PDB file of N, CA and C in Angstrom:
ATOM      1  N   GLN A   1       7.341 -55.169  21.969  1.00  0.00           N
ATOM      2  CA  GLN A   1       7.729 -54.266  20.890  1.00  0.00           C
ATOM      3  C   GLN A   1       7.363 -52.832  21.262  1.00  0.00           C
ATOM      4  N   VAL A   2       8.276 -51.919  21.003  1.00  0.00           N
ATOM      5  CA  VAL A   2       8.066 -50.509  21.315  1.00  0.00           C
ATOM      6  C   VAL A   2       8.394 -49.684  20.076  1.00  0.00           C
ATOM      7  N   GLN A   3       7.536 -48.759  19.733  1.00  0.00           N
ATOM      8  CA  GLN A   3       7.807 -47.818  18.658  1.00  0.00           C
ATOM      9  C   GLN A   3       8.043 -46.436  19.269  1.00  0.00           C
ATOM     10  N   LEU A   4       9.066 -45.755  18.794  1.00  0.00           N
ATOM     11  CA  LEU A   4       9.459 -44.464  19.352  1.00  0.00           C
ATOM     12  C   LEU A   4       9.452 -43.398  18.252  1.00  0.00           C
ATOM     13  N   VAL A   5       8.921 -42.236  18.577  1.00  0.00           N
ATOM     14  CA  VAL A   5       8.898 -41.120  17.626  1.00  0.00           C
ATOM     15  C   VAL A   5       9.388 -39.865  18.342  1.00  0.00           C
ATOM     16  N   GLU A   6      10.488 -39.309  17.841  1.00  0.00           N
ATOM     17  CA  GLU A   6      11.033 -38.080  18.416  1.00  0.00           C
ATOM     18  C   GLU A   6      10.435 -36.858  17.711  1.00  0.00           C
ATOM     19  N   SER A   7      10.380 -35.756  18.425  1.00  0.00           N
ATOM     20  CA  SER A   7       9.944 -34.492  17.846  1.00  0.00           C
ATOM     21  C   SER A   7      10.526 -33.349  18.651  1.00  0.00           C
ATOM     22  N   GLY A   8      10.435 -32.141  18.076  1.00  0.00           N
ATOM     23  CA  GLY A   8      10.856 -30.947  18.800  1.00  0.00           C
ATOM     24  C   GLY A   8      12.151 -30.326  18.316  1.00  0.00           C
ATOM     25  N   GLY A   9      12.867 -31.009  17.454  1.00  0.00           N
ATOM     26  CA  GLY A   9      14.115 -30.454  16.962  1.00  0.00           C
ATOM     27  C   GLY A   9      13.886 -29.339  15.955  1.00  0.00           C
ATOM     28  N   ARG A  10      14.753 -28.359  15.976  1.00  0.00           N
ATOM     29  CA  ARG A  10      14.692 -27.243  15.020  1.00  0.00           C
ATOM     30  C   ARG A  10      15.960 -26.423  15.122  1.00  0.00           C
ATOM     31  N   LEU A  11      16.035 -25.347  14.365  1.00  0.00           N
ATOM     32  CA  LEU A  11      17.141 -24.400  14.435  1.00  0.00           C
ATOM     33  C   LEU A  11      16.917 -23.452  15.609  1.00  0.00           C
ATOM     34  N   VAL A  12      17.946 -23.265  16.419  1.00  0.00           N
ATOM     35  CA  VAL A  12      17.858 -22.380  17.576  1.00  0.00           C
ATOM     36  C   VAL A  12      19.188 -21.641  17.723  1.00  0.00           C
ATOM     37  N   GLN A  13      19.126 -20.436  18.246  1.00  0.00           N
ATOM     38  CA  GLN A  13      20.349 -19.658  18.441  1.00  0.00           C
ATOM     39  C   GLN A  13      21.100 -20.131  19.678  1.00  0.00           C
ATOM     40  N   PRO A  14      22.400 -19.925  19.700  1.00  0.00           N
ATOM     41  CA  PRO A  14      23.161 -20.253  20.921  1.00  0.00           C
ATOM     42  C   PRO A  14      22.560 -19.549  22.136  1.00  0.00           C
ATOM     43  N   GLY A  15      22.508 -20.291  23.246  1.00  0.00           N
ATOM     44  CA  GLY A  15      21.892 -19.767  24.457  1.00  0.00           C
ATOM     45  C   GLY A  15      20.410 -20.042  24.559  1.00  0.00           C
ATOM     46  N   GLY A  16      19.816 -20.521  23.494  1.00  0.00           N
ATOM     47  CA  GLY A  16      18.391 -20.811  23.482  1.00  0.00           C
ATOM     48  C   GLY A  16      18.057 -22.147  24.118  1.00  0.00           C
ATOM     49  N   SER A  17      16.767 -22.458  24.114  1.00  0.00           N
ATOM     50  CA  SER A  17      16.277 -23.693  24.728  1.00  0.00           C
ATOM     51  C   SER A  17      15.381 -24.453  23.760  1.00  0.00           C
ATOM     52  N   LEU A  18      15.346 -25.764  23.945  1.00  0.00           N
ATOM     53  CA  LEU A  18      14.444 -26.633  23.198  1.00  0.00           C
ATOM     54  C   LEU A  18      13.976 -27.732  24.135  1.00  0.00           C
ATOM     55  N   ARG A  19      12.792 -28.254  23.860  1.00  0.00           N
ATOM     56  CA  ARG A  19      12.348 -29.459  24.547  1.00  0.00           C
ATOM     57  C   ARG A  19      12.044 -30.519  23.501  1.00  0.00           C
ATOM     58  N   LEU A  20      12.786 -31.597  23.562  1.00  0.00           N
ATOM     59  CA  LEU A  20      12.545 -32.736  22.682  1.00  0.00           C
ATOM     60  C   LEU A  20      11.580 -33.698  23.363  1.00  0.00           C
ATOM     61  N   SER A  21      10.760 -34.344  22.540  1.00  0.00           N
ATOM     62  CA  SER A  21       9.828 -35.342  23.044  1.00  0.00           C
ATOM     63  C   SER A  21      10.100 -36.676  22.372  1.00  0.00           C
ATOM     64  N   CYS A  22       9.901 -37.735  23.122  1.00  0.00           N
ATOM     65  CA  CYS A  22      10.014 -39.093  22.608  1.00  0.00           C
ATOM     66  C   CYS A  22       8.721 -39.805  22.989  1.00  0.00           C
ATOM     67  N   ALA A  23       7.852 -39.967  22.010  1.00  0.00           N
ATOM     68  CA  ALA A  23       6.560 -40.603  22.250  1.00  0.00           C
ATOM     69  C   ALA A  23       6.664 -42.090  21.939  1.00  0.00           C
ATOM     70  N   ALA A  24       6.192 -42.905  22.862  1.00  0.00           N
ATOM     71  CA  ALA A  24       6.320 -44.351  22.717  1.00  0.00           C
ATOM     72  C   ALA A  24       4.959 -45.013  22.607  1.00  0.00           C
ATOM     73  N   SER A  25       4.893 -46.059  21.828  1.00  0.00           N
ATOM     74  CA  SER A  25       3.707 -46.905  21.778  1.00  0.00           C
ATOM     75  C   SER A  25       4.161 -48.324  22.032  1.00  0.00           C
ATOM     76  N   GLY A  26       3.284 -49.105  22.583  1.00  0.00           N
ATOM     77  CA  GLY A  26       3.657 -50.464  22.930  1.00  0.00           C
ATOM     78  C   GLY A  26       3.457 -50.714  24.407  1.00  0.00           C
ATOM     79  N   ARG A  27       3.735 -51.912  24.783  1.00  0.00           N
ATOM     80  CA  ARG A  27       3.459 -52.312  26.153  1.00  0.00           C
ATOM     81  C   ARG A  27       4.589 -51.978  27.116  1.00  0.00           C
ATOM     82  N   ALA A  28       4.204 -51.846  28.371  1.00  0.00           N
ATOM     83  CA  ALA A  28       5.166 -51.775  29.481  1.00  0.00           C
ATOM     84  C   ALA A  28       6.184 -50.666  29.312  1.00  0.00           C
ATOM     85  N   PHE A  29       5.738 -49.529  28.799  1.00  0.00           N
ATOM     86  CA  PHE A  29       6.656 -48.417  28.581  1.00  0.00           C
ATOM     87  C   PHE A  29       7.380 -48.034  29.857  1.00  0.00           C
ATOM     88  N   SER A  30       6.669 -48.016  30.961  1.00  0.00           N
ATOM     89  CA  SER A  30       7.263 -47.546  32.215  1.00  0.00           C
ATOM     90  C   SER A  30       8.374 -48.449  32.706  1.00  0.00           C
ATOM     91  N   SER A  31       8.445 -49.677  32.211  1.00  0.00           N
ATOM     92  CA  SER A  31       9.474 -50.605  32.670  1.00  0.00           C
ATOM     93  C   SER A  31      10.804 -50.433  31.925  1.00  0.00           C
ATOM     94  N   TYR A  32      10.803 -49.659  30.852  1.00  0.00           N
ATOM     95  CA  TYR A  32      12.011 -49.491  30.053  1.00  0.00           C
ATOM     96  C   TYR A  32      12.855 -48.318  30.542  1.00  0.00           C
ATOM     97  N   ALA A  33      14.160 -48.487  30.426  1.00  0.00           N
ATOM     98  CA  ALA A  33      15.049 -47.337  30.503  1.00  0.00           C
ATOM     99  C   ALA A  33      14.973 -46.623  29.156  1.00  0.00           C
ATOM    100  N   ILE A  34      14.959 -45.303  29.194  1.00  0.00           N
ATOM    101  CA  ILE A  34      14.917 -44.511  27.970  1.00  0.00           C
ATOM    102  C   ILE A  34      16.161 -43.645  27.911  1.00  0.00           C
ATOM    103  N   GLY A  35      16.834 -43.715  26.805  1.00  0.00           N
ATOM    104  CA  GLY A  35      18.039 -42.929  26.622  1.00  0.00           C
ATOM    105  C   GLY A  35      17.909 -41.958  25.472  1.00  0.00           C
ATOM    106  N   TRP A  36      18.615 -40.851  25.575  1.00  0.00           N
ATOM    107  CA  TRP A  36      18.770 -39.909  24.458  1.00  0.00           C
ATOM    108  C   TRP A  36      20.217 -39.985  23.992  1.00  0.00           C
ATOM    109  N   PHE A  37      20.377 -40.055  22.687  1.00  0.00           N
ATOM    110  CA  PHE A  37      21.686 -40.083  22.061  1.00  0.00           C
ATOM    111  C   PHE A  37      21.707 -39.004  20.984  1.00  0.00           C
ATOM    112  N   ARG A  38      22.901 -38.631  20.550  1.00  0.00           N
ATOM    113  CA  ARG A  38      22.983 -37.670  19.454  1.00  0.00           C
ATOM    114  C   ARG A  38      24.158 -38.022  18.562  1.00  0.00           C
ATOM    115  N   GLN A  39      24.041 -37.595  17.312  1.00  0.00           N
ATOM    116  CA  GLN A  39      25.113 -37.814  16.354  1.00  0.00           C
ATOM    117  C   GLN A  39      25.347 -36.534  15.578  1.00  0.00           C
ATOM    118  N   ALA A  40      26.536 -35.985  15.742  1.00  0.00           N
ATOM    119  CA  ALA A  40      26.921 -34.787  15.016  1.00  0.00           C
ATOM    120  C   ALA A  40      27.499 -35.188  13.659  1.00  0.00           C
ATOM    121  N   PRO A  41      27.479 -34.290  12.688  1.00  0.00           N
ATOM    122  CA  PRO A  41      28.037 -34.607  11.365  1.00  0.00           C
ATOM    123  C   PRO A  41      29.483 -35.068  11.458  1.00  0.00           C
ATOM    124  N   GLY A  42      29.775 -36.204  10.862  1.00  0.00           N
ATOM    125  CA  GLY A  42      31.132 -36.714  10.846  1.00  0.00           C
ATOM    126  C   GLY A  42      31.610 -37.342  12.134  1.00  0.00           C
ATOM    127  N   LYS A  43      30.705 -37.478  13.103  1.00  0.00           N
ATOM    128  CA  LYS A  43      31.092 -38.047  14.394  1.00  0.00           C
ATOM    129  C   LYS A  43      30.242 -39.265  14.715  1.00  0.00           C
ATOM    130  N   GLU A  44      30.721 -40.055  15.660  1.00  0.00           N
ATOM    131  CA  GLU A  44      29.958 -41.212  16.086  1.00  0.00           C
ATOM    132  C   GLU A  44      28.814 -40.787  17.010  1.00  0.00           C
ATOM    133  N   ARG A  45      27.811 -41.626  17.057  1.00  0.00           N
ATOM    134  CA  ARG A  45      26.704 -41.373  17.968  1.00  0.00           C
ATOM    135  C   ARG A  45      27.192 -41.456  19.410  1.00  0.00           C
ATOM    136  N   GLU A  46      26.708 -40.541  20.246  1.00  0.00           N
ATOM    137  CA  GLU A  46      27.114 -40.544  21.644  1.00  0.00           C
ATOM    138  C   GLU A  46      25.903 -40.497  22.560  1.00  0.00           C
ATOM    139  N   PHE A  47      26.083 -41.086  23.711  1.00  0.00           N
ATOM    140  CA  PHE A  47      25.067 -41.052  24.762  1.00  0.00           C
ATOM    141  C   PHE A  47      24.958 -39.636  25.312  1.00  0.00           C
ATOM    142  N   VAL A  48      23.736 -39.190  25.585  1.00  0.00           N
ATOM    143  CA  VAL A  48      23.514 -37.860  26.159  1.00  0.00           C
ATOM    144  C   VAL A  48      22.915 -37.960  27.555  1.00  0.00           C
ATOM    145  N   ALA A  49      21.831 -38.717  27.680  1.00  0.00           N
ATOM    146  CA  ALA A  49      21.138 -38.785  28.971  1.00  0.00           C
ATOM    147  C   ALA A  49      20.255 -40.022  28.987  1.00  0.00           C
ATOM    148  N   ARG A  50      19.928 -40.476  30.193  1.00  0.00           N
ATOM    149  CA  ARG A  50      18.986 -41.582  30.290  1.00  0.00           C
ATOM    150  C   ARG A  50      18.174 -41.441  31.572  1.00  0.00           C
ATOM    151  N   ILE A  51      17.024 -42.099  31.566  1.00  0.00           N
ATOM    152  CA  ILE A  51      16.202 -42.181  32.751  1.00  0.00           C
ATOM    153  C   ILE A  51      15.757 -43.628  32.894  1.00  0.00           C
ATOM    154  N   SER A  52      15.941 -44.159  34.096  1.00  0.00           N
ATOM    155  CA  SER A  52      15.549 -45.528  34.407  1.00  0.00           C
ATOM    156  C   SER A  52      14.834 -45.472  35.745  1.00  0.00           C
ATOM    157  N   GLY A  53      13.523 -45.733  35.733  1.00  0.00           N
ATOM    158  CA  GLY A  53      12.734 -45.471  36.925  1.00  0.00           C
ATOM    159  C   GLY A  53      12.782 -43.978  37.190  1.00  0.00           C
ATOM    160  N   SER A  54      13.276 -43.601  38.348  1.00  0.00           N
ATOM    161  CA  SER A  54      13.430 -42.185  38.662  1.00  0.00           C
ATOM    162  C   SER A  54      14.892 -41.756  38.652  1.00  0.00           C
ATOM    163  N   THR A  55      15.762 -42.645  38.258  1.00  0.00           N
ATOM    164  CA  THR A  55      17.204 -42.370  38.231  1.00  0.00           C
ATOM    165  C   THR A  55      17.607 -41.798  36.879  1.00  0.00           C
ATOM    166  N   THR A  56      18.366 -40.736  36.913  1.00  0.00           N
ATOM    167  CA  THR A  56      18.827 -40.091  35.685  1.00  0.00           C
ATOM    168  C   THR A  56      20.354 -40.072  35.631  1.00  0.00           C
ATOM    169  N   ARG A  57      20.855 -39.967  34.421  1.00  0.00           N
ATOM    170  CA  ARG A  57      22.290 -39.881  34.200  1.00  0.00           C
ATOM    171  C   ARG A  57      22.542 -39.020  32.971  1.00  0.00           C
ATOM    172  N   TYR A  58      23.648 -38.251  33.003  1.00  0.00           N
ATOM    173  CA  TYR A  58      23.974 -37.337  31.902  1.00  0.00           C
ATOM    174  C   TYR A  58      25.459 -37.406  31.594  1.00  0.00           C
ATOM    175  N   ILE A  59      25.800 -37.096  30.348  1.00  0.00           N
ATOM    176  CA  ILE A  59      27.216 -36.898  30.068  1.00  0.00           C
ATOM    177  C   ILE A  59      27.623 -35.545  30.657  1.00  0.00           C
ATOM    178  N   ASP A  60      28.917 -35.416  30.940  1.00  0.00           N
ATOM    179  CA  ASP A  60      29.407 -34.228  31.641  1.00  0.00           C
ATOM    180  C   ASP A  60      29.119 -32.934  30.883  1.00  0.00           C
ATOM    181  N   SER A  61      29.179 -32.990  29.572  1.00  0.00           N
ATOM    182  CA  SER A  61      29.060 -31.761  28.784  1.00  0.00           C
ATOM    183  C   SER A  61      27.663 -31.144  28.821  1.00  0.00           C
ATOM    184  N   VAL A  62      26.666 -31.896  29.295  1.00  0.00           N
ATOM    185  CA  VAL A  62      25.304 -31.344  29.337  1.00  0.00           C
ATOM    186  C   VAL A  62      24.777 -31.204  30.758  1.00  0.00           C
ATOM    187  N   LYS A  63      25.541 -31.641  31.752  1.00  0.00           N
ATOM    188  CA  LYS A  63      25.085 -31.543  33.128  1.00  0.00           C
ATOM    189  C   LYS A  63      24.789 -30.098  33.503  1.00  0.00           C
ATOM    190  N   GLY A  64      23.638 -29.892  34.128  1.00  0.00           N
ATOM    191  CA  GLY A  64      23.233 -28.554  34.514  1.00  0.00           C
ATOM    192  C   GLY A  64      22.534 -27.789  33.409  1.00  0.00           C
ATOM    193  N   ARG A  65      22.549 -28.320  32.198  1.00  0.00           N
ATOM    194  CA  ARG A  65      21.867 -27.659  31.066  1.00  0.00           C
ATOM    195  C   ARG A  65      20.713 -28.500  30.520  1.00  0.00           C
ATOM    196  N   PHE A  66      20.880 -29.810  30.495  1.00  0.00           N
ATOM    197  CA  PHE A  66      19.857 -30.707  29.966  1.00  0.00           C
ATOM    198  C   PHE A  66      19.188 -31.443  31.127  1.00  0.00           C
ATOM    199  N   PHE A  67      17.894 -31.700  30.951  1.00  0.00           N
ATOM    200  CA  PHE A  67      17.154 -32.408  31.993  1.00  0.00           C
ATOM    201  C   PHE A  67      16.198 -33.388  31.328  1.00  0.00           C
ATOM    202  N   ILE A  68      16.272 -34.648  31.743  1.00  0.00           N
ATOM    203  CA  ILE A  68      15.424 -35.683  31.182  1.00  0.00           C
ATOM    204  C   ILE A  68      14.306 -35.989  32.172  1.00  0.00           C
ATOM    205  N   SER A  69      13.116 -36.216  31.638  1.00  0.00           N
ATOM    206  CA  SER A  69      11.980 -36.557  32.485  1.00  0.00           C
ATOM    207  C   SER A  69      11.038 -37.460  31.693  1.00  0.00           C
ATOM    208  N   ARG A  70      10.124 -38.103  32.413  1.00  0.00           N
ATOM    209  CA  ARG A  70       9.182 -38.980  31.724  1.00  0.00           C
ATOM    210  C   ARG A  70       7.794 -38.824  32.295  1.00  0.00           C
ATOM    211  N   ASP A  71       6.818 -39.039  31.443  1.00  0.00           N
ATOM    212  CA  ASP A  71       5.411 -39.037  31.833  1.00  0.00           C
ATOM    213  C   ASP A  71       4.864 -40.396  31.414  1.00  0.00           C
ATOM    214  N   ASN A  72       4.727 -41.296  32.368  1.00  0.00           N
ATOM    215  CA  ASN A  72       4.299 -42.658  32.045  1.00  0.00           C
ATOM    216  C   ASN A  72       2.823 -42.740  31.668  1.00  0.00           C
ATOM    217  N   VAL A  73       2.046 -41.731  32.000  1.00  0.00           N
ATOM    218  CA  VAL A  73       0.647 -41.698  31.563  1.00  0.00           C
ATOM    219  C   VAL A  73       0.585 -41.382  30.070  1.00  0.00           C
ATOM    220  N   LYS A  74       1.409 -40.449  29.648  1.00  0.00           N
ATOM    221  CA  LYS A  74       1.443 -40.062  28.230  1.00  0.00           C
ATOM    222  C   LYS A  74       2.423 -40.908  27.418  1.00  0.00           C
ATOM    223  N   ASN A  75       3.129 -41.835  28.073  1.00  0.00           N
ATOM    224  CA  ASN A  75       4.134 -42.661  27.393  1.00  0.00           C
ATOM    225  C   ASN A  75       5.139 -41.789  26.634  1.00  0.00           C
ATOM    226  N   THR A  76       5.613 -40.771  27.303  1.00  0.00           N
ATOM    227  CA  THR A  76       6.510 -39.817  26.653  1.00  0.00           C
ATOM    228  C   THR A  76       7.684 -39.483  27.571  1.00  0.00           C
ATOM    229  N   VAL A  77       8.847 -39.378  26.959  1.00  0.00           N
ATOM    230  CA  VAL A  77      10.047 -38.923  27.664  1.00  0.00           C
ATOM    231  C   VAL A  77      10.474 -37.607  27.032  1.00  0.00           C
ATOM    232  N   TYR A  78      10.891 -36.677  27.862  1.00  0.00           N
ATOM    233  CA  TYR A  78      11.283 -35.347  27.408  1.00  0.00           C
ATOM    234  C   TYR A  78      12.770 -35.099  27.678  1.00  0.00           C
ATOM    235  N   LEU A  79      13.350 -34.300  26.833  1.00  0.00           N
ATOM    236  CA  LEU A  79      14.698 -33.804  27.075  1.00  0.00           C
ATOM    237  C   LEU A  79      14.656 -32.287  26.970  1.00  0.00           C
ATOM    238  N   GLN A  80      14.696 -31.631  28.125  1.00  0.00           N
ATOM    239  CA  GLN A  80      14.735 -30.178  28.164  1.00  0.00           C
ATOM    240  C   GLN A  80      16.177 -29.738  28.015  1.00  0.00           C
ATOM    241  N   MET A  81      16.442 -28.934  27.004  1.00  0.00           N
ATOM    242  CA  MET A  81      17.809 -28.505  26.705  1.00  0.00           C
ATOM    243  C   MET A  81      17.881 -26.987  26.819  1.00  0.00           C
ATOM    244  N   ASN A  82      18.693 -26.509  27.749  1.00  0.00           N
ATOM    245  CA  ASN A  82      18.848 -25.085  27.992  1.00  0.00           C
ATOM    246  C   ASN A  82      20.270 -24.639  27.668  1.00  0.00           C
ATOM    247  N   ASN A  83      20.427 -23.335  27.480  1.00  0.00           N
ATOM    248  CA  ASN A  83      21.747 -22.769  27.192  1.00  0.00           C
ATOM    249  C   ASN A  83      22.469 -23.565  26.100  1.00  0.00           C
ATOM    250  N   LEU A  84      21.779 -23.762  25.008  1.00  0.00           N
ATOM    251  CA  LEU A  84      22.322 -24.582  23.931  1.00  0.00           C
ATOM    252  C   LEU A  84      23.558 -23.960  23.309  1.00  0.00           C
ATOM    253  N   LYS A  85      24.473 -24.832  22.909  1.00  0.00           N
ATOM    254  CA  LYS A  85      25.739 -24.429  22.313  1.00  0.00           C
ATOM    255  C   LYS A  85      25.854 -25.022  20.912  1.00  0.00           C
ATOM    256  N   PRO A  86      26.660 -24.433  20.049  1.00  0.00           N
ATOM    257  CA  PRO A  86      26.819 -25.002  18.701  1.00  0.00           C
ATOM    258  C   PRO A  86      27.238 -26.460  18.714  1.00  0.00           C
ATOM    259  N   GLU A  87      28.017 -26.856  19.707  1.00  0.00           N
ATOM    260  CA  GLU A  87      28.461 -28.258  19.786  1.00  0.00           C
ATOM    261  C   GLU A  87      27.344 -29.213  20.176  1.00  0.00           C
ATOM    262  N   ASP A  88      26.172 -28.700  20.507  1.00  0.00           N
ATOM    263  CA  ASP A  88      25.007 -29.554  20.768  1.00  0.00           C
ATOM    264  C   ASP A  88      24.290 -29.937  19.474  1.00  0.00           C
ATOM    265  N   THR A  89      24.718 -29.380  18.362  1.00  0.00           N
ATOM    266  CA  THR A  89      24.101 -29.678  17.067  1.00  0.00           C
ATOM    267  C   THR A  89      24.239 -31.148  16.714  1.00  0.00           C
ATOM    268  N   GLY A  90      23.166 -31.714  16.199  1.00  0.00           N
ATOM    269  CA  GLY A  90      23.196 -33.102  15.767  1.00  0.00           C
ATOM    270  C   GLY A  90      21.800 -33.669  15.632  1.00  0.00           C
ATOM    271  N   ILE A  91      21.747 -34.920  15.218  1.00  0.00           N
ATOM    272  CA  ILE A  91      20.474 -35.643  15.202  1.00  0.00           C
ATOM    273  C   ILE A  91      20.325 -36.315  16.557  1.00  0.00           C
ATOM    274  N   TYR A  92      19.206 -36.067  17.192  1.00  0.00           N
ATOM    275  CA  TYR A  92      18.937 -36.630  18.515  1.00  0.00           C
ATOM    276  C   TYR A  92      17.986 -37.812  18.381  1.00  0.00           C
ATOM    277  N   TYR A  93      18.382 -38.922  18.975  1.00  0.00           N
ATOM    278  CA  TYR A  93      17.610 -40.149  18.945  1.00  0.00           C
ATOM    279  C   TYR A  93      17.210 -40.545  20.360  1.00  0.00           C
ATOM    280  N   CYS A  94      16.024 -41.096  20.510  1.00  0.00           N
ATOM    281  CA  CYS A  94      15.699 -41.739  21.773  1.00  0.00           C
ATOM    282  C   CYS A  94      15.677 -43.250  21.554  1.00  0.00           C
ATOM    283  N   ALA A  95      15.930 -43.964  22.625  1.00  0.00           N
ATOM    284  CA  ALA A  95      16.014 -45.410  22.555  1.00  0.00           C
ATOM    285  C   ALA A  95      15.447 -46.001  23.839  1.00  0.00           C
ATOM    286  N   ALA A  96      14.901 -47.202  23.723  1.00  0.00           N
ATOM    287  CA  ALA A  96      14.301 -47.884  24.874  1.00  0.00           C
ATOM    288  C   ALA A  96      14.956 -49.243  25.065  1.00  0.00           C
ATOM    289  N   GLY A  97      15.117 -49.629  26.309  1.00  0.00           N
ATOM    290  CA  GLY A  97      15.692 -50.933  26.611  1.00  0.00           C
ATOM    291  C   GLY A  97      16.077 -51.002  28.062  1.00  0.00           C
ATOM    292  N   THR A  98      17.289 -51.513  28.313  1.00  0.00           N
ATOM    293  CA  THR A  98      17.842 -51.519  29.660  1.00  0.00           C
ATOM    294  C   THR A  98      19.010 -50.540  29.686  1.00  0.00           C
ATOM    295  N   VAL A  99      19.583 -50.306  30.825  1.00  0.00           N
ATOM    296  CA  VAL A  99      20.725 -49.379  30.892  1.00  0.00           C
ATOM    297  C   VAL A  99      21.957 -49.966  30.218  1.00  0.00           C
ATOM    298  N   ILE A 100      21.914 -51.271  29.926  1.00  0.00           N
ATOM    299  CA  ILE A 100      23.052 -51.922  29.274  1.00  0.00           C
ATOM    300  C   ILE A 100      22.845 -52.008  27.767  1.00  0.00           C
ATOM    301  N   GLN A 101      21.640 -52.238  27.351  1.00  0.00           N
ATOM    302  CA  GLN A 101      21.364 -52.427  25.925  1.00  0.00           C
ATOM    303  C   GLN A 101      20.039 -51.795  25.547  1.00  0.00           C
ATOM    304  N   TYR A 102      20.080 -51.013  24.485  1.00  0.00           N
ATOM    305  CA  TYR A 102      18.873 -50.372  23.966  1.00  0.00           C
ATOM    306  C   TYR A 102      18.435 -51.126  22.711  1.00  0.00           C
ATOM    307  N   ASP A 103      17.214 -51.644  22.742  1.00  0.00           N
ATOM    308  CA  ASP A 103      16.739 -52.500  21.662  1.00  0.00           C
ATOM    309  C   ASP A 103      15.873 -51.777  20.641  1.00  0.00           C
ATOM    310  N   TYR A 104      15.300 -50.653  21.029  1.00  0.00           N
ATOM    311  CA  TYR A 104      14.356 -49.950  20.160  1.00  0.00           C
ATOM    312  C   TYR A 104      14.812 -48.507  19.994  1.00  0.00           C
ATOM    313  N   TRP A 105      14.755 -48.036  18.747  1.00  0.00           N
ATOM    314  CA  TRP A 105      15.261 -46.700  18.427  1.00  0.00           C
ATOM    315  C   TRP A 105      14.233 -45.936  17.599  1.00  0.00           C
ATOM    316  N   GLY A 106      14.200 -44.631  17.805  1.00  0.00           N
ATOM    317  CA  GLY A 106      13.396 -43.771  16.957  1.00  0.00           C
ATOM    318  C   GLY A 106      14.170 -43.355  15.718  1.00  0.00           C
ATOM    319  N   GLN A 107      13.525 -42.517  14.901  1.00  0.00           N
ATOM    320  CA  GLN A 107      14.120 -42.117  13.622  1.00  0.00           C
ATOM    321  C   GLN A 107      14.989 -40.868  13.745  1.00  0.00           C
ATOM    322  N   GLY A 108      14.888 -40.189  14.875  1.00  0.00           N
ATOM    323  CA  GLY A 108      15.728 -39.025  15.124  1.00  0.00           C
ATOM    324  C   GLY A 108      15.057 -37.704  14.792  1.00  0.00           C
ATOM    325  N   THR A 109      15.536 -36.647  15.445  1.00  0.00           N
ATOM    326  CA  THR A 109      15.067 -35.294  15.177  1.00  0.00           C
ATOM    327  C   THR A 109      16.286 -34.375  15.147  1.00  0.00           C
ATOM    328  N   GLN A 110      16.320 -33.456  14.174  1.00  0.00           N
ATOM    329  CA  GLN A 110      17.500 -32.618  13.965  1.00  0.00           C
ATOM    330  C   GLN A 110      17.467 -31.401  14.875  1.00  0.00           C
ATOM    331  N   VAL A 111      18.570 -31.200  15.579  1.00  0.00           N
ATOM    332  CA  VAL A 111      18.772 -30.001  16.384  1.00  0.00           C
ATOM    333  C   VAL A 111      19.965 -29.245  15.803  1.00  0.00           C
ATOM    334  N   THR A 112      19.758 -27.986  15.466  1.00  0.00           N
ATOM    335  CA  THR A 112      20.832 -27.158  14.932  1.00  0.00           C
ATOM    336  C   THR A 112      20.946 -25.903  15.786  1.00  0.00           C
ATOM    337  N   VAL A 113      22.126 -25.693  16.350  1.00  0.00           N
ATOM    338  CA  VAL A 113      22.373 -24.523  17.181  1.00  0.00           C
ATOM    339  C   VAL A 113      23.332 -23.617  16.419  1.00  0.00           C
ATOM    340  N   SER A 114      22.811 -22.502  15.963  1.00  0.00           N
ATOM    341  CA  SER A 114      23.606 -21.608  15.121  1.00  0.00           C
ATOM    342  C   SER A 114      23.000 -20.220  15.134  1.00  0.00           C
ATOM    343  N   SER A 115      23.874 -19.224  15.012  1.00  0.00           N
ATOM    344  CA  SER A 115      23.408 -17.851  14.904  1.00  0.00           C
ATOM    345  C   SER A 115      23.264 -17.438  13.435  1.00  0.00           C
TER     346      SER A 115
END
């Protein structure tokens, strides 16, 4: 069993940066793939980025702007988001599992990009 808590979301101007954190409790955190997803108002939830071991993957719209990393000592995964755009607005969720299926989800943190 893994419990996940996201933090770091807030209102930011276009072009700004944020770092989201996903703090995990439970066993064998380092063995899980961790993914970040987001859901914009009126839209379906979409995959943003994941890290599995040292391998990372991103959707095209955030490549070169977002960077995912993990600290297995602190049981935390980070999502560094740079050059934020209004279309990045949404609730950001982290999830733990395998690259095929995520079994554990956090409650989400709101990111709003607006001037």
